[in-house]
Amino acid sequence: MQDTKLPIYAKRALVVAGIITIMPALTSAQTPPDTGDNTMADHPYVGMWVTGDGRIRHELLINNRYDEARGERESAYQGRYQVTDNYIEYWDDTGFTADGEFIDDVLYHGGMVLYRQE
């Protein structure tokens, strides 16, 4: 059996408004530590992001954690996140990963469009 290793950077594609963007993605060996600190306290993307219908509420917390509510189900998904420029990666506590991109103060994540809630 051949031992295959992932390259340091795998590539992911994000399609927004018909434009394909290829960007590097962290491998699982590079996932950020869950430090529980307040490293994001002054970051402009911290806060609540909500879909247009209000059904999905995605809160980016100052300690690099997120909490996502869906409908009446509070804390439907929770985990860690890391922002690099306008790109965000998520590591859910249940084991799945996701990503997204901030464009003109709108978050495009998992096929959803979320707007900042003041």
PDB file of N, CA and C in Angstrom:
ATOM      1  N   MET A   1       0.831  -1.174   0.000  1.00  0.00           N
ATOM      2  CA  MET A   1       0.000   0.000   0.000  1.00  0.00           C
ATOM      3  C   MET A   1       0.877   1.239   0.000  1.00  0.00           C
ATOM      4  N   GLN A   2       0.564   2.190  -0.839  1.00  0.00           N
ATOM      5  CA  GLN A   2       1.362   3.388  -0.976  1.00  0.00           C
ATOM      6  C   GLN A   2       0.958   4.432   0.062  1.00  0.00           C
ATOM      7  N   ASP A   3       1.941   5.073   0.694  1.00  0.00           N
ATOM      8  CA  ASP A   3       1.681   6.109   1.692  1.00  0.00           C
ATOM      9  C   ASP A   3       1.543   7.445   0.969  1.00  0.00           C
ATOM     10  N   THR A   4       0.338   8.002   0.948  1.00  0.00           N
ATOM     11  CA  THR A   4       0.128   9.292   0.299  1.00  0.00           C
ATOM     12  C   THR A   4      -0.044  10.354   1.367  1.00  0.00           C
ATOM     13  N   LYS A   5       0.597  11.466   1.153  1.00  0.00           N
ATOM     14  CA  LYS A   5       0.523  12.575   2.097  1.00  0.00           C
ATOM     15  C   LYS A   5      -0.084  13.777   1.403  1.00  0.00           C
ATOM     16  N   LEU A   6      -0.880  14.507   2.142  1.00  0.00           N
ATOM     17  CA  LEU A   6      -1.441  15.736   1.604  1.00  0.00           C
ATOM     18  C   LEU A   6      -0.349  16.786   1.486  1.00  0.00           C
ATOM     19  N   PRO A   7      -0.404  17.621   0.467  1.00  0.00           N
ATOM     20  CA  PRO A   7       0.554  18.718   0.407  1.00  0.00           C
ATOM     21  C   PRO A   7       0.285  19.679   1.559  1.00  0.00           C
ATOM     22  N   ILE A   8       1.268  20.524   1.850  1.00  0.00           N
ATOM     23  CA  ILE A   8       1.085  21.479   2.945  1.00  0.00           C
ATOM     24  C   ILE A   8      -0.196  22.281   2.727  1.00  0.00           C
ATOM     25  N   TYR A   9      -0.427  22.717   1.502  1.00  0.00           N
ATOM     26  CA  TYR A   9      -1.664  23.427   1.203  1.00  0.00           C
ATOM     27  C   TYR A   9      -2.471  22.636   0.190  1.00  0.00           C
ATOM     28  N   ALA A  10      -3.689  22.299   0.557  1.00  0.00           N
ATOM     29  CA  ALA A  10      -4.623  21.725  -0.399  1.00  0.00           C
ATOM     30  C   ALA A  10      -5.355  22.915  -1.007  1.00  0.00           C
ATOM     31  N   LYS A  11      -5.982  22.738  -2.136  1.00  0.00           N
ATOM     32  CA  LYS A  11      -6.703  23.861  -2.733  1.00  0.00           C
ATOM     33  C   LYS A  11      -8.195  23.626  -2.632  1.00  0.00           C
ATOM     34  N   ARG A  12      -8.931  24.703  -2.372  1.00  0.00           N
ATOM     35  CA  ARG A  12     -10.385  24.667  -2.325  1.00  0.00           C
ATOM     36  C   ARG A  12     -10.912  25.698  -3.305  1.00  0.00           C
ATOM     37  N   ALA A  13     -12.079  25.425  -3.852  1.00  0.00           N
ATOM     38  CA  ALA A  13     -12.709  26.372  -4.763  1.00  0.00           C
ATOM     39  C   ALA A  13     -13.942  26.943  -4.094  1.00  0.00           C
ATOM     40  N   LEU A  14     -14.129  28.230  -4.243  1.00  0.00           N
ATOM     41  CA  LEU A  14     -15.306  28.920  -3.735  1.00  0.00           C
ATOM     42  C   LEU A  14     -15.937  29.616  -4.918  1.00  0.00           C
ATOM     43  N   VAL A  15     -17.215  29.359  -5.155  1.00  0.00           N
ATOM     44  CA  VAL A  15     -17.916  29.981  -6.258  1.00  0.00           C
ATOM     45  C   VAL A  15     -18.868  31.022  -5.684  1.00  0.00           C
ATOM     46  N   VAL A  16     -18.648  32.268  -6.055  1.00  0.00           N
ATOM     47  CA  VAL A  16     -19.501  33.370  -5.620  1.00  0.00           C
ATOM     48  C   VAL A  16     -19.873  34.154  -6.860  1.00  0.00           C
ATOM     49  N   ALA A  17     -21.153  34.308  -7.097  1.00  0.00           N
ATOM     50  CA  ALA A  17     -21.660  35.063  -8.236  1.00  0.00           C
ATOM     51  C   ALA A  17     -21.044  34.572  -9.547  1.00  0.00           C
ATOM     52  N   GLY A  18     -20.876  33.263  -9.665  1.00  0.00           N
ATOM     53  CA  GLY A  18     -20.371  32.680 -10.897  1.00  0.00           C
ATOM     54  C   GLY A  18     -18.870  32.782 -11.090  1.00  0.00           C
ATOM     55  N   ILE A  19     -18.155  33.344 -10.114  1.00  0.00           N
ATOM     56  CA  ILE A  19     -16.711  33.484 -10.217  1.00  0.00           C
ATOM     57  C   ILE A  19     -16.060  32.414  -9.346  1.00  0.00           C
ATOM     58  N   ILE A  20     -15.181  31.624  -9.937  1.00  0.00           N
ATOM     59  CA  ILE A  20     -14.498  30.570  -9.192  1.00  0.00           C
ATOM     60  C   ILE A  20     -13.198  31.140  -8.635  1.00  0.00           C
ATOM     61  N   THR A  21     -13.027  31.010  -7.342  1.00  0.00           N
ATOM     62  CA  THR A  21     -11.813  31.463  -6.684  1.00  0.00           C
ATOM     63  C   THR A  21     -11.126  30.241  -6.088  1.00  0.00           C
ATOM     64  N   ILE A  22      -9.880  30.006  -6.468  1.00  0.00           N
ATOM     65  CA  ILE A  22      -9.095  28.909  -5.907  1.00  0.00           C
ATOM     66  C   ILE A  22      -8.210  29.510  -4.832  1.00  0.00           C
ATOM     67  N   MET A  23      -8.244  28.903  -3.636  1.00  0.00           N
ATOM     68  CA  MET A  23      -7.451  29.433  -2.536  1.00  0.00           C
ATOM     69  C   MET A  23      -6.856  28.292  -1.729  1.00  0.00           C
ATOM     70  N   PRO A  24      -5.734  28.563  -1.063  1.00  0.00           N
ATOM     71  CA  PRO A  24      -5.156  27.521  -0.227  1.00  0.00           C
ATOM     72  C   PRO A  24      -6.038  27.260   0.977  1.00  0.00           C
ATOM     73  N   ALA A  25      -6.035  26.018   1.430  1.00  0.00           N
ATOM     74  CA  ALA A  25      -6.794  25.650   2.618  1.00  0.00           C
ATOM     75  C   ALA A  25      -5.858  24.929   3.574  1.00  0.00           C
ATOM     76  N   LEU A  26      -6.035  25.159   4.842  1.00  0.00           N
ATOM     77  CA  LEU A  26      -5.205  24.471   5.821  1.00  0.00           C
ATOM     78  C   LEU A  26      -5.538  22.993   5.851  1.00  0.00           C
ATOM     79  N   THR A  27      -4.536  22.167   6.010  1.00  0.00           N
ATOM     80  CA  THR A  27      -4.779  20.747   6.184  1.00  0.00           C
ATOM     81  C   THR A  27      -5.141  20.498   7.635  1.00  0.00           C
ATOM     82  N   SER A  28      -5.654  19.318   7.951  1.00  0.00           N
ATOM     83  CA  SER A  28      -6.060  19.029   9.324  1.00  0.00           C
ATOM     84  C   SER A  28      -4.899  19.138  10.292  1.00  0.00           C
ATOM     85  N   ALA A  29      -3.679  18.906   9.825  1.00  0.00           N
ATOM     86  CA  ALA A  29      -2.517  19.026  10.698  1.00  0.00           C
ATOM     87  C   ALA A  29      -2.221  20.479  11.043  1.00  0.00           C
ATOM     88  N   GLN A  30      -2.824  21.404  10.299  1.00  0.00           N
ATOM     89  CA  GLN A  30      -2.563  22.814  10.521  1.00  0.00           C
ATOM     90  C   GLN A  30      -3.732  23.516  11.203  1.00  0.00           C
ATOM     91  N   THR A  31      -4.700  22.796  11.699  1.00  0.00           N
ATOM     92  CA  THR A  31      -5.842  23.439  12.333  1.00  0.00           C
ATOM     93  C   THR A  31      -5.395  24.240  13.531  1.00  0.00           C
ATOM     94  N   PRO A  32      -6.006  25.405  13.740  1.00  0.00           N
ATOM     95  CA  PRO A  32      -5.551  26.257  14.834  1.00  0.00           C
ATOM     96  C   PRO A  32      -5.879  25.646  16.177  1.00  0.00           C
ATOM     97  N   PRO A  33      -5.059  25.901  17.179  1.00  0.00           N
ATOM     98  CA  PRO A  33      -5.355  25.368  18.507  1.00  0.00           C
ATOM     99  C   PRO A  33      -6.578  26.050  19.096  1.00  0.00           C
ATOM    100  N   ASP A  34      -7.300  25.328  19.909  1.00  0.00           N
ATOM    101  CA  ASP A  34      -8.475  25.872  20.585  1.00  0.00           C
ATOM    102  C   ASP A  34      -7.996  26.488  21.896  1.00  0.00           C
ATOM    103  N   THR A  35      -7.491  27.721  21.798  1.00  0.00           N
ATOM    104  CA  THR A  35      -6.859  28.350  22.950  1.00  0.00           C
ATOM    105  C   THR A  35      -7.849  28.966  23.918  1.00  0.00           C
ATOM    106  N   GLY A  36      -9.047  29.291  23.449  1.00  0.00           N
ATOM    107  CA  GLY A  36     -10.039  29.898  24.329  1.00  0.00           C
ATOM    108  C   GLY A  36      -9.696  31.325  24.701  1.00  0.00           C
ATOM    109  N   ASP A  37      -8.736  31.925  23.989  1.00  0.00           N
ATOM    110  CA  ASP A  37      -8.375  33.297  24.332  1.00  0.00           C
ATOM    111  C   ASP A  37      -9.257  34.291  23.581  1.00  0.00           C
ATOM    112  N   ASN A  38      -8.933  35.534  23.690  1.00  0.00           N
ATOM    113  CA  ASN A  38      -9.741  36.588  23.063  1.00  0.00           C
ATOM    114  C   ASN A  38      -9.000  37.232  21.899  1.00  0.00           C
ATOM    115  N   THR A  39      -8.351  36.424  21.077  1.00  0.00           N
ATOM    116  CA  THR A  39      -7.534  36.944  19.995  1.00  0.00           C
ATOM    117  C   THR A  39      -8.327  37.714  18.949  1.00  0.00           C
ATOM    118  N   MET A  40      -9.623  37.506  18.870  1.00  0.00           N
ATOM    119  CA  MET A  40     -10.435  38.168  17.856  1.00  0.00           C
ATOM    120  C   MET A  40     -11.209  39.363  18.428  1.00  0.00           C
ATOM    121  N   ALA A  41     -10.888  39.798  19.615  1.00  0.00           N
ATOM    122  CA  ALA A  41     -11.671  40.828  20.303  1.00  0.00           C
ATOM    123  C   ALA A  41     -11.905  42.078  19.456  1.00  0.00           C
ATOM    124  N   ASP A  42     -10.914  42.495  18.686  1.00  0.00           N
ATOM    125  CA  ASP A  42     -11.052  43.723  17.898  1.00  0.00           C
ATOM    126  C   ASP A  42     -11.229  43.466  16.408  1.00  0.00           C
ATOM    127  N   HIS A  43     -11.478  42.225  16.034  1.00  0.00           N
ATOM    128  CA  HIS A  43     -11.586  41.899  14.604  1.00  0.00           C
ATOM    129  C   HIS A  43     -12.925  42.380  14.047  1.00  0.00           C
ATOM    130  N   PRO A  44     -12.924  42.963  12.850  1.00  0.00           N
ATOM    131  CA  PRO A  44     -14.171  43.515  12.293  1.00  0.00           C
ATOM    132  C   PRO A  44     -15.240  42.476  11.950  1.00  0.00           C
ATOM    133  N   TYR A  45     -14.894  41.196  11.824  1.00  0.00           N
ATOM    134  CA  TYR A  45     -15.899  40.197  11.464  1.00  0.00           C
ATOM    135  C   TYR A  45     -16.563  39.543  12.668  1.00  0.00           C
ATOM    136  N   VAL A  46     -16.082  39.811  13.870  1.00  0.00           N
ATOM    137  CA  VAL A  46     -16.690  39.248  15.076  1.00  0.00           C
ATOM    138  C   VAL A  46     -18.107  39.808  15.227  1.00  0.00           C
ATOM    139  N   GLY A  47     -19.024  38.951  15.641  1.00  0.00           N
ATOM    140  CA  GLY A  47     -20.396  39.392  15.866  1.00  0.00           C
ATOM    141  C   GLY A  47     -21.395  38.442  15.224  1.00  0.00           C
ATOM    142  N   MET A  48     -22.614  38.890  15.110  1.00  0.00           N
ATOM    143  CA  MET A  48     -23.714  38.069  14.607  1.00  0.00           C
ATOM    144  C   MET A  48     -23.916  38.284  13.115  1.00  0.00           C
ATOM    145  N   TRP A  49     -24.058  37.173  12.396  1.00  0.00           N
ATOM    146  CA  TRP A  49     -24.328  37.166  10.953  1.00  0.00           C
ATOM    147  C   TRP A  49     -25.617  36.371  10.756  1.00  0.00           C
ATOM    148  N   VAL A  50     -26.545  36.894   9.958  1.00  0.00           N
ATOM    149  CA  VAL A  50     -27.885  36.325   9.854  1.00  0.00           C
ATOM    150  C   VAL A  50     -28.305  36.242   8.387  1.00  0.00           C
ATOM    151  N   THR A  51     -29.002  35.156   8.028  1.00  0.00           N
ATOM    152  CA  THR A  51     -29.555  35.053   6.677  1.00  0.00           C
ATOM    153  C   THR A  51     -30.683  36.061   6.530  1.00  0.00           C
ATOM    154  N   GLY A  52     -31.030  36.385   5.303  1.00  0.00           N
ATOM    155  CA  GLY A  52     -32.067  37.374   5.030  1.00  0.00           C
ATOM    156  C   GLY A  52     -33.396  37.071   5.688  1.00  0.00           C
ATOM    157  N   ASP A  53     -33.732  35.797   5.822  1.00  0.00           N
ATOM    158  CA  ASP A  53     -35.001  35.419   6.453  1.00  0.00           C
ATOM    159  C   ASP A  53     -34.878  35.248   7.971  1.00  0.00           C
ATOM    160  N   GLY A  54     -33.658  35.427   8.508  1.00  0.00           N
ATOM    161  CA  GLY A  54     -33.441  35.331   9.948  1.00  0.00           C
ATOM    162  C   GLY A  54     -33.408  33.909  10.492  1.00  0.00           C
ATOM    163  N   ARG A  55     -33.537  32.926   9.617  1.00  0.00           N
ATOM    164  CA  ARG A  55     -33.602  31.535  10.074  1.00  0.00           C
ATOM    165  C   ARG A  55     -32.263  31.029  10.612  1.00  0.00           C
ATOM    166  N   ILE A  56     -31.168  31.437   9.986  1.00  0.00           N
ATOM    167  CA  ILE A  56     -29.849  30.989  10.415  1.00  0.00           C
ATOM    168  C   ILE A  56     -29.093  32.173  11.002  1.00  0.00           C
ATOM    169  N   ARG A  57     -28.641  31.977  12.232  1.00  0.00           N
ATOM    170  CA  ARG A  57     -27.917  33.013  12.962  1.00  0.00           C
ATOM    171  C   ARG A  57     -26.554  32.456  13.346  1.00  0.00           C
ATOM    172  N   HIS A  58     -25.535  33.122  12.868  1.00  0.00           N
ATOM    173  CA  HIS A  58     -24.172  32.611  12.978  1.00  0.00           C
ATOM    174  C   HIS A  58     -23.353  33.634  13.764  1.00  0.00           C
ATOM    175  N   GLU A  59     -22.971  33.306  14.990  1.00  0.00           N
ATOM    176  CA  GLU A  59     -22.224  34.246  15.817  1.00  0.00           C
ATOM    177  C   GLU A  59     -20.750  33.866  15.864  1.00  0.00           C
ATOM    178  N   LEU A  60     -19.897  34.797  15.445  1.00  0.00           N
ATOM    179  CA  LEU A  60     -18.452  34.636  15.539  1.00  0.00           C
ATOM    180  C   LEU A  60     -18.022  35.283  16.848  1.00  0.00           C
ATOM    181  N   LEU A  61     -17.527  34.466  17.759  1.00  0.00           N
ATOM    182  CA  LEU A  61     -17.165  34.926  19.099  1.00  0.00           C
ATOM    183  C   LEU A  61     -15.711  35.393  19.150  1.00  0.00           C
ATOM    184  N   ILE A  62     -15.360  36.186  20.149  1.00  0.00           N
ATOM    185  CA  ILE A  62     -14.013  36.756  20.232  1.00  0.00           C
ATOM    186  C   ILE A  62     -12.937  35.733  20.553  1.00  0.00           C
ATOM    187  N   ASN A  63     -13.315  34.551  20.993  1.00  0.00           N
ATOM    188  CA  ASN A  63     -12.333  33.531  21.373  1.00  0.00           C
ATOM    189  C   ASN A  63     -12.094  32.490  20.275  1.00  0.00           C
ATOM    190  N   ASN A  64     -12.320  32.885  19.011  1.00  0.00           N
ATOM    191  CA  ASN A  64     -12.151  32.008  17.849  1.00  0.00           C
ATOM    192  C   ASN A  64     -13.115  30.816  17.866  1.00  0.00           C
ATOM    193  N   ARG A  65     -14.262  30.975  18.493  1.00  0.00           N
ATOM    194  CA  ARG A  65     -15.317  29.967  18.490  1.00  0.00           C
ATOM    195  C   ARG A  65     -16.523  30.568  17.774  1.00  0.00           C
ATOM    196  N   TYR A  66     -17.372  29.687  17.241  1.00  0.00           N
ATOM    197  CA  TYR A  66     -18.622  30.160  16.648  1.00  0.00           C
ATOM    198  C   TYR A  66     -19.776  29.355  17.215  1.00  0.00           C
ATOM    199  N   ASP A  67     -20.960  29.946  17.128  1.00  0.00           N
ATOM    200  CA  ASP A  67     -22.188  29.294  17.595  1.00  0.00           C
ATOM    201  C   ASP A  67     -23.259  29.612  16.564  1.00  0.00           C
ATOM    202  N   GLU A  68     -23.799  28.578  15.940  1.00  0.00           N
ATOM    203  CA  GLU A  68     -24.786  28.762  14.879  1.00  0.00           C
ATOM    204  C   GLU A  68     -26.129  28.213  15.313  1.00  0.00           C
ATOM    205  N   ALA A  69     -27.151  29.044  15.195  1.00  0.00           N
ATOM    206  CA  ALA A  69     -28.524  28.640  15.491  1.00  0.00           C
ATOM    207  C   ALA A  69     -29.273  28.493  14.172  1.00  0.00           C
ATOM    208  N   ARG A  70     -30.187  27.514  14.133  1.00  0.00           N
ATOM    209  CA  ARG A  70     -31.014  27.282  12.939  1.00  0.00           C
ATOM    210  C   ARG A  70     -32.457  27.190  13.362  1.00  0.00           C
ATOM    211  N   GLY A  71     -33.253  28.155  12.902  1.00  0.00           N
ATOM    212  CA  GLY A  71     -34.658  28.190  13.307  1.00  0.00           C
ATOM    213  C   GLY A  71     -34.763  28.341  14.809  1.00  0.00           C
ATOM    214  N   GLU A  72     -35.515  27.459  15.440  1.00  0.00           N
ATOM    215  CA  GLU A  72     -35.666  27.508  16.893  1.00  0.00           C
ATOM    216  C   GLU A  72     -34.596  26.697  17.615  1.00  0.00           C
ATOM    217  N   ARG A  73     -33.736  26.061  16.865  1.00  0.00           N
ATOM    218  CA  ARG A  73     -32.680  25.240  17.466  1.00  0.00           C
ATOM    219  C   ARG A  73     -31.437  26.090  17.757  1.00  0.00           C
ATOM    220  N   GLU A  74     -31.281  26.513  19.002  1.00  0.00           N
ATOM    221  CA  GLU A  74     -30.113  27.278  19.420  1.00  0.00           C
ATOM    222  C   GLU A  74     -28.898  26.343  19.455  1.00  0.00           C
ATOM    223  N   SER A  75     -27.733  26.893  19.180  1.00  0.00           N
ATOM    224  CA  SER A  75     -26.473  26.142  19.217  1.00  0.00           C
ATOM    225  C   SER A  75     -26.546  24.837  18.414  1.00  0.00           C
ATOM    226  N   ALA A  76     -27.115  24.936  17.206  1.00  0.00           N
ATOM    227  CA  ALA A  76     -27.202  23.762  16.331  1.00  0.00           C
ATOM    228  C   ALA A  76     -25.809  23.287  15.930  1.00  0.00           C
ATOM    229  N   TYR A  77     -24.896  24.222  15.718  1.00  0.00           N
ATOM    230  CA  TYR A  77     -23.507  23.902  15.381  1.00  0.00           C
ATOM    231  C   TYR A  77     -22.600  24.826  16.172  1.00  0.00           C
ATOM    232  N   GLN A  78     -21.510  24.249  16.680  1.00  0.00           N
ATOM    233  CA  GLN A  78     -20.512  25.021  17.414  1.00  0.00           C
ATOM    234  C   GLN A  78     -19.133  24.499  17.045  1.00  0.00           C
ATOM    235  N   GLY A  79     -18.144  25.366  17.128  1.00  0.00           N
ATOM    236  CA  GLY A  79     -16.795  24.934  16.837  1.00  0.00           C
ATOM    237  C   GLY A  79     -15.829  26.095  16.812  1.00  0.00           C
ATOM    238  N   ARG A  80     -14.690  25.865  16.135  1.00  0.00           N
ATOM    239  CA  ARG A  80     -13.629  26.859  16.026  1.00  0.00           C
ATOM    240  C   ARG A  80     -13.651  27.480  14.641  1.00  0.00           C
ATOM    241  N   TYR A  81     -13.090  28.674  14.541  1.00  0.00           N
ATOM    242  CA  TYR A  81     -12.925  29.288  13.228  1.00  0.00           C
ATOM    243  C   TYR A  81     -11.612  30.043  13.177  1.00  0.00           C
ATOM    244  N   GLN A  82     -11.157  30.287  11.952  1.00  0.00           N
ATOM    245  CA  GLN A  82      -9.961  31.096  11.728  1.00  0.00           C
ATOM    246  C   GLN A  82     -10.201  31.970  10.516  1.00  0.00           C
ATOM    247  N   VAL A  83      -9.899  33.244  10.635  1.00  0.00           N
ATOM    248  CA  VAL A  83     -10.052  34.193   9.528  1.00  0.00           C
ATOM    249  C   VAL A  83      -8.674  34.546   9.011  1.00  0.00           C
ATOM    250  N   THR A  84      -8.500  34.450   7.690  1.00  0.00           N
ATOM    251  CA  THR A  84      -7.283  34.875   7.012  1.00  0.00           C
ATOM    252  C   THR A  84      -7.716  35.823   5.903  1.00  0.00           C
ATOM    253  N   ASP A  85      -7.403  37.083   6.078  1.00  0.00           N
ATOM    254  CA  ASP A  85      -7.883  38.134   5.167  1.00  0.00           C
ATOM    255  C   ASP A  85      -9.410  38.095   5.142  1.00  0.00           C
ATOM    256  N   ASN A  86     -10.011  37.777   3.988  1.00  0.00           N
ATOM    257  CA  ASN A  86     -11.474  37.704   3.881  1.00  0.00           C
ATOM    258  C   ASN A  86     -11.989  36.273   3.838  1.00  0.00           C
ATOM    259  N   TYR A  87     -11.125  35.322   4.083  1.00  0.00           N
ATOM    260  CA  TYR A  87     -11.454  33.894   4.006  1.00  0.00           C
ATOM    261  C   TYR A  87     -11.616  33.343   5.421  1.00  0.00           C
ATOM    262  N   ILE A  88     -12.652  32.535   5.654  1.00  0.00           N
ATOM    263  CA  ILE A  88     -12.889  31.956   6.973  1.00  0.00           C
ATOM    264  C   ILE A  88     -12.992  30.444   6.844  1.00  0.00           C
ATOM    265  N   GLU A  89     -12.348  29.747   7.780  1.00  0.00           N
ATOM    266  CA  GLU A  89     -12.443  28.293   7.851  1.00  0.00           C
ATOM    267  C   GLU A  89     -13.044  27.918   9.193  1.00  0.00           C
ATOM    268  N   TYR A  90     -13.859  26.851   9.183  1.00  0.00           N
ATOM    269  CA  TYR A  90     -14.549  26.375  10.374  1.00  0.00           C
ATOM    270  C   TYR A  90     -14.182  24.920  10.644  1.00  0.00           C
ATOM    271  N   TRP A  91     -14.028  24.576  11.915  1.00  0.00           N
ATOM    272  CA  TRP A  91     -13.849  23.203  12.362  1.00  0.00           C
ATOM    273  C   TRP A  91     -14.937  22.954  13.400  1.00  0.00           C
ATOM    274  N   ASP A  92     -15.989  22.261  12.995  1.00  0.00           N
ATOM    275  CA  ASP A  92     -17.113  22.004  13.886  1.00  0.00           C
ATOM    276  C   ASP A  92     -16.722  20.977  14.946  1.00  0.00           C
ATOM    277  N   ASP A  93     -17.316  21.106  16.129  1.00  0.00           N
ATOM    278  CA  ASP A  93     -17.025  20.176  17.219  1.00  0.00           C
ATOM    279  C   ASP A  93     -17.399  18.735  16.880  1.00  0.00           C
ATOM    280  N   THR A  94     -18.298  18.534  15.906  1.00  0.00           N
ATOM    281  CA  THR A  94     -18.693  17.179  15.523  1.00  0.00           C
ATOM    282  C   THR A  94     -17.746  16.571  14.494  1.00  0.00           C
ATOM    283  N   GLY A  95     -16.789  17.377  13.974  1.00  0.00           N
ATOM    284  CA  GLY A  95     -15.789  16.825  13.077  1.00  0.00           C
ATOM    285  C   GLY A  95     -15.816  17.308  11.647  1.00  0.00           C
ATOM    286  N   PHE A  96     -16.878  17.984  11.206  1.00  0.00           N
ATOM    287  CA  PHE A  96     -16.855  18.421   9.814  1.00  0.00           C
ATOM    288  C   PHE A  96     -16.212  19.799   9.692  1.00  0.00           C
ATOM    289  N   THR A  97     -15.794  20.125   8.481  1.00  0.00           N
ATOM    290  CA  THR A  97     -15.171  21.418   8.217  1.00  0.00           C
ATOM    291  C   THR A  97     -15.977  22.163   7.164  1.00  0.00           C
ATOM    292  N   ALA A  98     -15.820  23.462   7.155  1.00  0.00           N
ATOM    293  CA  ALA A  98     -16.503  24.308   6.176  1.00  0.00           C
ATOM    294  C   ALA A  98     -15.657  25.555   5.977  1.00  0.00           C
ATOM    295  N   ASP A  99     -16.024  26.342   4.988  1.00  0.00           N
ATOM    296  CA  ASP A  99     -15.326  27.596   4.779  1.00  0.00           C
ATOM    297  C   ASP A  99     -16.274  28.628   4.205  1.00  0.00           C
ATOM    298  N   GLY A 100     -15.782  29.826   4.064  1.00  0.00           N
ATOM    299  CA  GLY A 100     -16.597  30.907   3.529  1.00  0.00           C
ATOM    300  C   GLY A 100     -15.722  32.096   3.180  1.00  0.00           C
ATOM    301  N   GLU A 101     -16.379  33.143   2.701  1.00  0.00           N
ATOM    302  CA  GLU A 101     -15.652  34.337   2.302  1.00  0.00           C
ATOM    303  C   GLU A 101     -16.505  35.563   2.594  1.00  0.00           C
ATOM    304  N   PHE A 102     -15.847  36.606   3.061  1.00  0.00           N
ATOM    305  CA  PHE A 102     -16.493  37.888   3.297  1.00  0.00           C
ATOM    306  C   PHE A 102     -16.242  38.763   2.080  1.00  0.00           C
ATOM    307  N   ILE A 103     -17.324  39.247   1.470  1.00  0.00           N
ATOM    308  CA  ILE A 103     -17.220  40.140   0.323  1.00  0.00           C
ATOM    309  C   ILE A 103     -18.172  41.302   0.568  1.00  0.00           C
ATOM    310  N   ASP A 104     -17.625  42.515   0.611  1.00  0.00           N
ATOM    311  CA  ASP A 104     -18.417  43.725   0.834  1.00  0.00           C
ATOM    312  C   ASP A 104     -19.322  43.602   2.055  1.00  0.00           C
ATOM    313  N   ASP A 105     -18.762  43.151   3.160  1.00  0.00           N
ATOM    314  CA  ASP A 105     -19.457  43.011   4.442  1.00  0.00           C
ATOM    315  C   ASP A 105     -20.643  42.048   4.387  1.00  0.00           C
ATOM    316  N   VAL A 106     -20.544  41.047   3.519  1.00  0.00           N
ATOM    317  CA  VAL A 106     -21.514  39.953   3.428  1.00  0.00           C
ATOM    318  C   VAL A 106     -20.714  38.659   3.556  1.00  0.00           C
ATOM    319  N   LEU A 107     -21.233  37.695   4.331  1.00  0.00           N
ATOM    320  CA  LEU A 107     -20.572  36.408   4.521  1.00  0.00           C
ATOM    321  C   LEU A 107     -21.230  35.360   3.633  1.00  0.00           C
ATOM    322  N   TYR A 108     -20.455  34.766   2.736  1.00  0.00           N
ATOM    323  CA  TYR A 108     -20.902  33.681   1.875  1.00  0.00           C
ATOM    324  C   TYR A 108     -20.332  32.402   2.465  1.00  0.00           C
ATOM    325  N   HIS A 109     -21.220  31.538   2.972  1.00  0.00           N
ATOM    326  CA  HIS A 109     -20.781  30.357   3.718  1.00  0.00           C
ATOM    327  C   HIS A 109     -21.729  29.193   3.453  1.00  0.00           C
ATOM    328  N   GLY A 110     -21.187  28.092   2.966  1.00  0.00           N
ATOM    329  CA  GLY A 110     -21.964  26.872   2.775  1.00  0.00           C
ATOM    330  C   GLY A 110     -23.213  27.060   1.929  1.00  0.00           C
ATOM    331  N   GLY A 111     -23.135  27.860   0.882  1.00  0.00           N
ATOM    332  CA  GLY A 111     -24.292  28.110   0.026  1.00  0.00           C
ATOM    333  C   GLY A 111     -25.261  29.133   0.600  1.00  0.00           C
ATOM    334  N   MET A 112     -24.930  29.702   1.741  1.00  0.00           N
ATOM    335  CA  MET A 112     -25.797  30.697   2.378  1.00  0.00           C
ATOM    336  C   MET A 112     -25.185  32.082   2.219  1.00  0.00           C
ATOM    337  N   VAL A 113     -26.053  33.087   2.322  1.00  0.00           N
ATOM    338  CA  VAL A 113     -25.623  34.475   2.324  1.00  0.00           C
ATOM    339  C   VAL A 113     -26.067  35.050   3.663  1.00  0.00           C
ATOM    340  N   LEU A 114     -25.097  35.523   4.446  1.00  0.00           N
ATOM    341  CA  LEU A 114     -25.395  36.050   5.784  1.00  0.00           C
ATOM    342  C   LEU A 114     -24.967  37.514   5.856  1.00  0.00           C
ATOM    343  N   TYR A 115     -25.804  38.295   6.532  1.00  0.00           N
ATOM    344  CA  TYR A 115     -25.578  39.727   6.664  1.00  0.00           C
ATOM    345  C   TYR A 115     -25.285  40.048   8.116  1.00  0.00           C
ATOM    346  N   ARG A 116     -24.449  41.056   8.310  1.00  0.00           N
ATOM    347  CA  ARG A 116     -24.097  41.474   9.660  1.00  0.00           C
ATOM    348  C   ARG A 116     -25.339  42.008  10.368  1.00  0.00           C
ATOM    349  N   GLN A 117     -25.543  41.563  11.585  1.00  0.00           N
ATOM    350  CA  GLN A 117     -26.636  42.068  12.418  1.00  0.00           C
ATOM    351  C   GLN A 117     -26.025  43.036  13.415  1.00  0.00           C
ATOM    352  N   GLU A 118     -26.506  44.248  13.413  1.00  0.00           N
ATOM    353  CA  GLU A 118     -25.974  45.272  14.341  1.00  0.00           C
ATOM    354  C   GLU A 118     -26.501  45.055  15.733  1.00  0.00           C
TER     355      GLU A 118
END
